[in-house]
C-alpha cells in the first residue's frame, strides 16, 4: 500500500464523519468572532513592534511566527 492510500484510508473516514468536527462552545465563539480575533492578533503584534525599543531581527521573526500561528489557529 502506498503512503497516499494509507493516508486516505486513515483520514478519509474522519473527514467524512460530521460528529468528528464538533468543537463545542469554543468553536462557535471562534467562528463568530473570527474577524475580531484576527484584528486583535495584528494589533497586539503592531503594538509589540512599535513599543519595543530596539527590535532585533529575531524579535520581528518571532512576532511574525506568532501572528501566523494565531491566524492558523483562528
PDB file of N, CA and C in Angstrom:
ATOM      1  N   UNK A   1       0.837  -1.170   0.000  1.00  0.00           N
ATOM      2  CA  UNK A   1       0.000   0.000   0.000  1.00  0.00           C
ATOM      3  C   UNK A   1       0.889   1.243   0.000  1.00  0.00           C
ATOM      4  N   UNK A   2       0.575   2.187  -0.869  1.00  0.00           N
ATOM      5  CA  UNK A   2       1.339   3.431  -0.929  1.00  0.00           C
ATOM      6  C   UNK A   2       0.977   4.335   0.244  1.00  0.00           C
ATOM      7  N   UNK A   3       1.838   5.323   0.492  1.00  0.00           N
ATOM      8  CA  UNK A   3       1.605   6.236   1.611  1.00  0.00           C
ATOM      9  C   UNK A   3       0.322   7.045   1.427  1.00  0.00           C
ATOM     10  N   UNK A   4       0.046   7.456   0.187  1.00  0.00           N
ATOM     11  CA  UNK A   4      -1.159   8.247  -0.037  1.00  0.00           C
ATOM     12  C   UNK A   4      -2.405   7.412   0.212  1.00  0.00           C
ATOM     13  N   UNK A   5      -2.375   6.136  -0.163  1.00  0.00           N
ATOM     14  CA  UNK A   5      -3.516   5.263   0.094  1.00  0.00           C
ATOM     15  C   UNK A   5      -3.715   5.072   1.593  1.00  0.00           C
ATOM     16  N   UNK A   6      -2.626   4.940   2.317  1.00  0.00           N
ATOM     17  CA  UNK A   6      -2.704   4.766   3.757  1.00  0.00           C
ATOM     18  C   UNK A   6      -3.265   6.035   4.408  1.00  0.00           C
ATOM     19  N   UNK A   7      -2.863   7.196   3.889  1.00  0.00           N
ATOM     20  CA  UNK A   7      -3.370   8.468   4.416  1.00  0.00           C
ATOM     21  C   UNK A   7      -4.869   8.590   4.178  1.00  0.00           C
ATOM     22  N   UNK A   8      -5.306   8.289   2.981  1.00  0.00           N
ATOM     23  CA  UNK A   8      -6.731   8.379   2.655  1.00  0.00           C
ATOM     24  C   UNK A   8      -7.519   7.372   3.473  1.00  0.00           C
ATOM     25  N   UNK A   9      -6.949   6.194   3.689  1.00  0.00           N
ATOM     26  CA  UNK A   9      -7.653   5.170   4.447  1.00  0.00           C
ATOM     27  C   UNK A   9      -7.814   5.558   5.914  1.00  0.00           C
ATOM     28  N   UNK A  10      -6.866   6.305   6.457  1.00  0.00           N
ATOM     29  CA  UNK A  10      -6.963   6.665   7.867  1.00  0.00           C
ATOM     30  C   UNK A  10      -7.671   7.990   8.087  1.00  0.00           C
ATOM     31  N   UNK A  11      -7.476   8.967   7.212  1.00  0.00           N
ATOM     32  CA  UNK A  11      -8.061  10.294   7.410  1.00  0.00           C
ATOM     33  C   UNK A  11      -9.421  10.411   6.733  1.00  0.00           C
ATOM     34  N   UNK A  12      -9.635   9.707   5.665  1.00  0.00           N
ATOM     35  CA  UNK A  12     -10.883   9.787   4.913  1.00  0.00           C
ATOM     36  C   UNK A  12     -12.132   9.592   5.749  1.00  0.00           C
ATOM     37  N   UNK A  13     -12.217   8.520   6.548  1.00  0.00           N
ATOM     38  CA  UNK A  13     -13.421   8.335   7.366  1.00  0.00           C
ATOM     39  C   UNK A  13     -13.613   9.441   8.393  1.00  0.00           C
ATOM     40  N   UNK A  14     -12.530   9.978   8.944  1.00  0.00           N
ATOM     41  CA  UNK A  14     -12.654  11.056   9.927  1.00  0.00           C
ATOM     42  C   UNK A  14     -13.169  12.328   9.285  1.00  0.00           C
ATOM     43  N   UNK A  15     -12.711  12.610   8.080  1.00  0.00           N
ATOM     44  CA  UNK A  15     -13.118  13.839   7.402  1.00  0.00           C
ATOM     45  C   UNK A  15     -14.576  13.792   6.977  1.00  0.00           C
ATOM     46  N   UNK A  16     -15.086  12.602   6.709  1.00  0.00           N
ATOM     47  CA  UNK A  16     -16.466  12.499   6.256  1.00  0.00           C
ATOM     48  C   UNK A  16     -17.451  12.338   7.408  1.00  0.00           C
ATOM     49  N   UNK A  17     -16.963  12.129   8.620  1.00  0.00           N
ATOM     50  CA  UNK A  17     -17.825  11.952   9.780  1.00  0.00           C
ATOM     51  C   UNK A  17     -18.198  13.309  10.361  1.00  0.00           C
ATOM     52  N   UNK A  18     -19.480  13.708  10.314  1.00  0.00           N
ATOM     53  CA  UNK A  18     -19.845  15.029  10.826  1.00  0.00           C
ATOM     54  C   UNK A  18     -19.673  15.150  12.334  1.00  0.00           C
ATOM     55  N   UNK A  19     -19.745  14.047  13.055  1.00  0.00           N
ATOM     56  CA  UNK A  19     -19.588  14.096  14.505  1.00  0.00           C
ATOM     57  C   UNK A  19     -18.135  14.297  14.924  1.00  0.00           C
ATOM     58  N   UNK A  20     -17.190  14.107  14.024  1.00  0.00           N
ATOM     59  CA  UNK A  20     -15.776  14.226  14.362  1.00  0.00           C
ATOM     60  C   UNK A  20     -15.330  15.683  14.477  1.00  0.00           C
ATOM     61  N   UNK A  21     -16.134  16.623  13.992  1.00  0.00           N
ATOM     62  CA  UNK A  21     -15.726  18.025  13.972  1.00  0.00           C
ATOM     63  C   UNK A  21     -16.500  18.884  14.966  1.00  0.00           C
ATOM     64  N   UNK A  22     -17.015  18.305  15.997  1.00  0.00           N
ATOM     65  CA  UNK A  22     -17.751  19.090  16.989  1.00  0.00           C
ATOM     66  C   UNK A  22     -16.758  19.821  17.878  1.00  0.00           C
ATOM     67  N   UNK A  23     -16.837  21.132  17.861  1.00  0.00           N
ATOM     68  CA  UNK A  23     -15.895  21.943  18.619  1.00  0.00           C
ATOM     69  C   UNK A  23     -16.529  22.582  19.837  1.00  0.00           C
ATOM     70  N   UNK A  24     -17.822  22.465  19.999  1.00  0.00           N
ATOM     71  CA  UNK A  24     -18.487  22.983  21.173  1.00  0.00           C
ATOM     72  C   UNK A  24     -18.563  24.494  21.198  1.00  0.00           C
ATOM     73  N   UNK A  25     -18.613  25.014  22.423  1.00  0.00           N
ATOM     74  CA  UNK A  25     -18.790  26.458  22.613  1.00  0.00           C
ATOM     75  C   UNK A  25     -17.588  27.246  22.118  1.00  0.00           C
ATOM     76  N   UNK A  26     -16.393  26.684  22.274  1.00  0.00           N
ATOM     77  CA  UNK A  26     -15.186  27.398  21.825  1.00  0.00           C
ATOM     78  C   UNK A  26     -15.203  27.554  20.307  1.00  0.00           C
ATOM     79  N   UNK A  27     -15.574  26.517  19.601  1.00  0.00           N
ATOM     80  CA  UNK A  27     -15.652  26.584  18.147  1.00  0.00           C
ATOM     81  C   UNK A  27     -16.664  27.611  17.672  1.00  0.00           C
ATOM     82  N   UNK A  28     -17.810  27.653  18.344  1.00  0.00           N
ATOM     83  CA  UNK A  28     -18.826  28.654  17.981  1.00  0.00           C
ATOM     84  C   UNK A  28     -18.316  30.067  18.251  1.00  0.00           C
ATOM     85  N   UNK A  29     -17.639  30.243  19.396  1.00  0.00           N
ATOM     86  CA  UNK A  29     -17.094  31.557  19.741  1.00  0.00           C
ATOM     87  C   UNK A  29     -16.074  32.008  18.708  1.00  0.00           C
ATOM     88  N   UNK A  30     -15.132  31.123  18.365  1.00  0.00           N
ATOM     89  CA  UNK A  30     -14.083  31.476  17.402  1.00  0.00           C
ATOM     90  C   UNK A  30     -14.695  31.754  16.033  1.00  0.00           C
ATOM     91  N   UNK A  31     -15.675  30.963  15.637  1.00  0.00           N
ATOM     92  CA  UNK A  31     -16.308  31.195  14.333  1.00  0.00           C
ATOM     93  C   UNK A  31     -17.061  32.522  14.327  1.00  0.00           C
ATOM     94  N   UNK A  32     -17.715  32.856  15.431  1.00  0.00           N
ATOM     95  CA  UNK A  32     -18.489  34.100  15.497  1.00  0.00           C
ATOM     96  C   UNK A  32     -17.590  35.330  15.496  1.00  0.00           C
ATOM     97  N   UNK A  33     -16.471  35.262  16.213  1.00  0.00           N
ATOM     98  CA  UNK A  33     -15.601  36.423  16.365  1.00  0.00           C
ATOM     99  C   UNK A  33     -14.291  36.270  15.599  1.00  0.00           C
ATOM    100  N   UNK A  34     -14.316  35.568  14.485  1.00  0.00           N
ATOM    101  CA  UNK A  34     -13.099  35.286  13.711  1.00  0.00           C
ATOM    102  C   UNK A  34     -12.397  36.561  13.254  1.00  0.00           C
ATOM    103  N   UNK A  35     -13.147  37.519  12.753  1.00  0.00           N
ATOM    104  CA  UNK A  35     -12.536  38.766  12.274  1.00  0.00           C
ATOM    105  C   UNK A  35     -11.934  39.549  13.433  1.00  0.00           C
ATOM    106  N   UNK A  36     -12.649  39.600  14.558  1.00  0.00           N
ATOM    107  CA  UNK A  36     -12.160  40.336  15.721  1.00  0.00           C
ATOM    108  C   UNK A  36     -10.880  39.713  16.270  1.00  0.00           C
ATOM    109  N   UNK A  37     -10.833  38.409  16.289  1.00  0.00           N
ATOM    110  CA  UNK A  37      -9.633  37.718  16.784  1.00  0.00           C
ATOM    111  C   UNK A  37      -8.446  38.028  15.868  1.00  0.00           C
ATOM    112  N   UNK A  38      -8.669  37.989  14.562  1.00  0.00           N
ATOM    113  CA  UNK A  38      -7.603  38.319  13.615  1.00  0.00           C
ATOM    114  C   UNK A  38      -7.121  39.747  13.770  1.00  0.00           C
ATOM    115  N   UNK A  39      -8.062  40.666  13.940  1.00  0.00           N
ATOM    116  CA  UNK A  39      -7.682  42.067  14.146  1.00  0.00           C
ATOM    117  C   UNK A  39      -6.911  42.248  15.445  1.00  0.00           C
ATOM    118  N   UNK A  40      -7.334  41.545  16.496  1.00  0.00           N
ATOM    119  CA  UNK A  40      -6.644  41.645  17.785  1.00  0.00           C
ATOM    120  C   UNK A  40      -5.221  41.108  17.693  1.00  0.00           C
ATOM    121  N   UNK A  41      -5.029  40.019  16.961  1.00  0.00           N
ATOM    122  CA  UNK A  41      -3.680  39.461  16.782  1.00  0.00           C
ATOM    123  C   UNK A  41      -2.784  40.477  16.087  1.00  0.00           C
ATOM    124  N   UNK A  42      -3.291  41.103  15.037  1.00  0.00           N
ATOM    125  CA  UNK A  42      -2.494  42.094  14.314  1.00  0.00           C
ATOM    126  C   UNK A  42      -2.210  43.335  15.153  1.00  0.00           C
ATOM    127  N   UNK A  43      -3.187  43.800  15.916  1.00  0.00           N
ATOM    128  CA  UNK A  43      -2.994  44.981  16.747  1.00  0.00           C
ATOM    129  C   UNK A  43      -1.959  44.703  17.837  1.00  0.00           C
ATOM    130  N   UNK A  44      -2.049  43.546  18.478  1.00  0.00           N
ATOM    131  CA  UNK A  44      -1.073  43.205  19.519  1.00  0.00           C
ATOM    132  C   UNK A  44       0.330  43.114  18.924  1.00  0.00           C
ATOM    133  N   UNK A  45       0.463  42.487  17.756  1.00  0.00           N
ATOM    134  CA  UNK A  45       1.777  42.387  17.118  1.00  0.00           C
ATOM    135  C   UNK A  45       2.318  43.773  16.757  1.00  0.00           C
ATOM    136  N   UNK A  46       1.452  44.645  16.254  1.00  0.00           N
ATOM    137  CA  UNK A  46       1.892  46.001  15.908  1.00  0.00           C
ATOM    138  C   UNK A  46       2.316  46.777  17.147  1.00  0.00           C
ATOM    139  N   UNK A  47       1.567  46.641  18.225  1.00  0.00           N
ATOM    140  CA  UNK A  47       1.921  47.338  19.467  1.00  0.00           C
ATOM    141  C   UNK A  47       3.253  46.823  20.004  1.00  0.00           C
ATOM    142  N   UNK A  48       3.466  45.512  19.938  1.00  0.00           N
ATOM    143  CA  UNK A  48       4.742  44.941  20.395  1.00  0.00           C
ATOM    144  C   UNK A  48       5.895  45.517  19.584  1.00  0.00           C
ATOM    145  N   UNK A  49       5.750  45.554  18.285  1.00  0.00           N
ATOM    146  CA  UNK A  49       6.848  46.039  17.444  1.00  0.00           C
ATOM    147  C   UNK A  49       7.067  47.551  17.584  1.00  0.00           C
ATOM    148  N   UNK A  50       5.992  48.306  17.776  1.00  0.00           N
ATOM    149  CA  UNK A  50       6.133  49.757  17.898  1.00  0.00           C
ATOM    150  C   UNK A  50       6.718  50.154  19.248  1.00  0.00           C
ATOM    151  N   UNK A  51       6.319  49.466  20.309  1.00  0.00           N
ATOM    152  CA  UNK A  51       6.772  49.859  21.641  1.00  0.00           C
ATOM    153  C   UNK A  51       8.105  49.240  22.040  1.00  0.00           C
ATOM    154  N   UNK A  52       8.575  48.260  21.292  1.00  0.00           N
ATOM    155  CA  UNK A  52       9.875  47.654  21.597  1.00  0.00           C
ATOM    156  C   UNK A  52      10.960  48.679  21.254  1.00  0.00           C
ATOM    157  N   UNK A  53      11.878  48.945  22.187  1.00  0.00           N
ATOM    158  CA  UNK A  53      12.889  49.982  21.970  1.00  0.00           C
ATOM    159  C   UNK A  53      13.786  49.686  20.775  1.00  0.00           C
ATOM    160  N   UNK A  54      14.375  48.513  20.762  1.00  0.00           N
ATOM    161  CA  UNK A  54      15.280  48.123  19.676  1.00  0.00           C
ATOM    162  C   UNK A  54      14.913  46.724  19.196  1.00  0.00           C
ATOM    163  N   UNK A  55      13.911  46.623  18.324  1.00  0.00           N
ATOM    164  CA  UNK A  55      13.528  45.276  17.871  1.00  0.00           C
ATOM    165  C   UNK A  55      14.604  44.678  16.960  1.00  0.00           C
ATOM    166  N   UNK A  56      15.123  43.556  17.376  1.00  0.00           N
ATOM    167  CA  UNK A  56      16.124  42.871  16.571  1.00  0.00           C
ATOM    168  C   UNK A  56      15.424  42.045  15.502  1.00  0.00           C
ATOM    169  N   UNK A  57      16.202  41.444  14.672  1.00  0.00           N
ATOM    170  CA  UNK A  57      15.644  40.589  13.621  1.00  0.00           C
ATOM    171  C   UNK A  57      14.881  39.428  14.232  1.00  0.00           C
ATOM    172  N   UNK A  58      15.396  38.863  15.311  1.00  0.00           N
ATOM    173  CA  UNK A  58      14.719  37.730  15.941  1.00  0.00           C
ATOM    174  C   UNK A  58      13.384  38.137  16.553  1.00  0.00           C
ATOM    175  N   UNK A  59      13.286  39.351  17.074  1.00  0.00           N
ATOM    176  CA  UNK A  59      12.009  39.824  17.612  1.00  0.00           C
ATOM    177  C   UNK A  59      10.981  39.910  16.490  1.00  0.00           C
ATOM    178  N   UNK A  60      11.380  40.445  15.361  1.00  0.00           N
ATOM    179  CA  UNK A  60      10.469  40.558  14.219  1.00  0.00           C
ATOM    180  C   UNK A  60      10.093  39.174  13.691  1.00  0.00           C
ATOM    181  N   UNK A  61      11.064  38.282  13.603  1.00  0.00           N
ATOM    182  CA  UNK A  61      10.790  36.923  13.111  1.00  0.00           C
ATOM    183  C   UNK A  61       9.832  36.204  14.050  1.00  0.00           C
ATOM    184  N   UNK A  62      10.088  36.239  15.355  1.00  0.00           N
ATOM    185  CA  UNK A  62       9.219  35.542  16.300  1.00  0.00           C
ATOM    186  C   UNK A  62       7.836  36.185  16.373  1.00  0.00           C
ATOM    187  N   UNK A  63       7.758  37.480  16.242  1.00  0.00           N
ATOM    188  CA  UNK A  63       6.449  38.127  16.202  1.00  0.00           C
ATOM    189  C   UNK A  63       5.669  37.677  14.971  1.00  0.00           C
ATOM    190  N   UNK A  64       6.348  37.577  13.849  1.00  0.00           N
ATOM    191  CA  UNK A  64       5.713  37.098  12.622  1.00  0.00           C
ATOM    192  C   UNK A  64       5.254  35.655  12.769  1.00  0.00           C
ATOM    193  N   UNK A  65       6.083  34.820  13.364  1.00  0.00           N
ATOM    194  CA  UNK A  65       5.716  33.414  13.571  1.00  0.00           C
ATOM    195  C   UNK A  65       4.488  33.315  14.475  1.00  0.00           C
ATOM    196  N   UNK A  66       4.457  34.098  15.539  1.00  0.00           N
ATOM    197  CA  UNK A  66       3.315  34.058  16.455  1.00  0.00           C
ATOM    198  C   UNK A  66       2.043  34.546  15.772  1.00  0.00           C
ATOM    199  N   UNK A  67       2.161  35.576  14.932  1.00  0.00           N
ATOM    200  CA  UNK A  67       0.991  36.059  14.189  1.00  0.00           C
ATOM    201  C   UNK A  67       0.500  34.977  13.232  1.00  0.00           C
ATOM    202  N   UNK A  68       1.408  34.315  12.535  1.00  0.00           N
ATOM    203  CA  UNK A  68       0.999  33.254  11.607  1.00  0.00           C
ATOM    204  C   UNK A  68       0.347  32.091  12.343  1.00  0.00           C
ATOM    205  N   UNK A  69       0.871  31.736  13.496  1.00  0.00           N
ATOM    206  CA  UNK A  69       0.256  30.674  14.295  1.00  0.00           C
ATOM    207  C   UNK A  69      -1.126  31.122  14.776  1.00  0.00           C
ATOM    208  N   UNK A  70      -1.234  32.376  15.178  1.00  0.00           N
ATOM    209  CA  UNK A  70      -2.544  32.887  15.587  1.00  0.00           C
ATOM    210  C   UNK A  70      -3.569  32.840  14.468  1.00  0.00           C
ATOM    211  N   UNK A  71      -3.154  33.160  13.267  1.00  0.00           N
ATOM    212  CA  UNK A  71      -4.068  33.076  12.120  1.00  0.00           C
ATOM    213  C   UNK A  71      -4.400  31.630  11.781  1.00  0.00           C
ATOM    214  N   UNK A  72      -3.444  30.733  11.945  1.00  0.00           N
ATOM    215  CA  UNK A  72      -3.711  29.322  11.659  1.00  0.00           C
ATOM    216  C   UNK A  72      -4.698  28.733  12.666  1.00  0.00           C
ATOM    217  N   UNK A  73      -4.587  29.159  13.907  1.00  0.00           N
ATOM    218  CA  UNK A  73      -5.479  28.635  14.945  1.00  0.00           C
ATOM    219  C   UNK A  73      -6.876  29.203  14.810  1.00  0.00           C
ATOM    220  N   UNK A  74      -6.960  30.447  14.445  1.00  0.00           N
ATOM    221  CA  UNK A  74      -8.291  31.053  14.379  1.00  0.00           C
ATOM    222  C   UNK A  74      -9.023  30.463  13.225  1.00  0.00           C
TER     223      UNK A  74
END
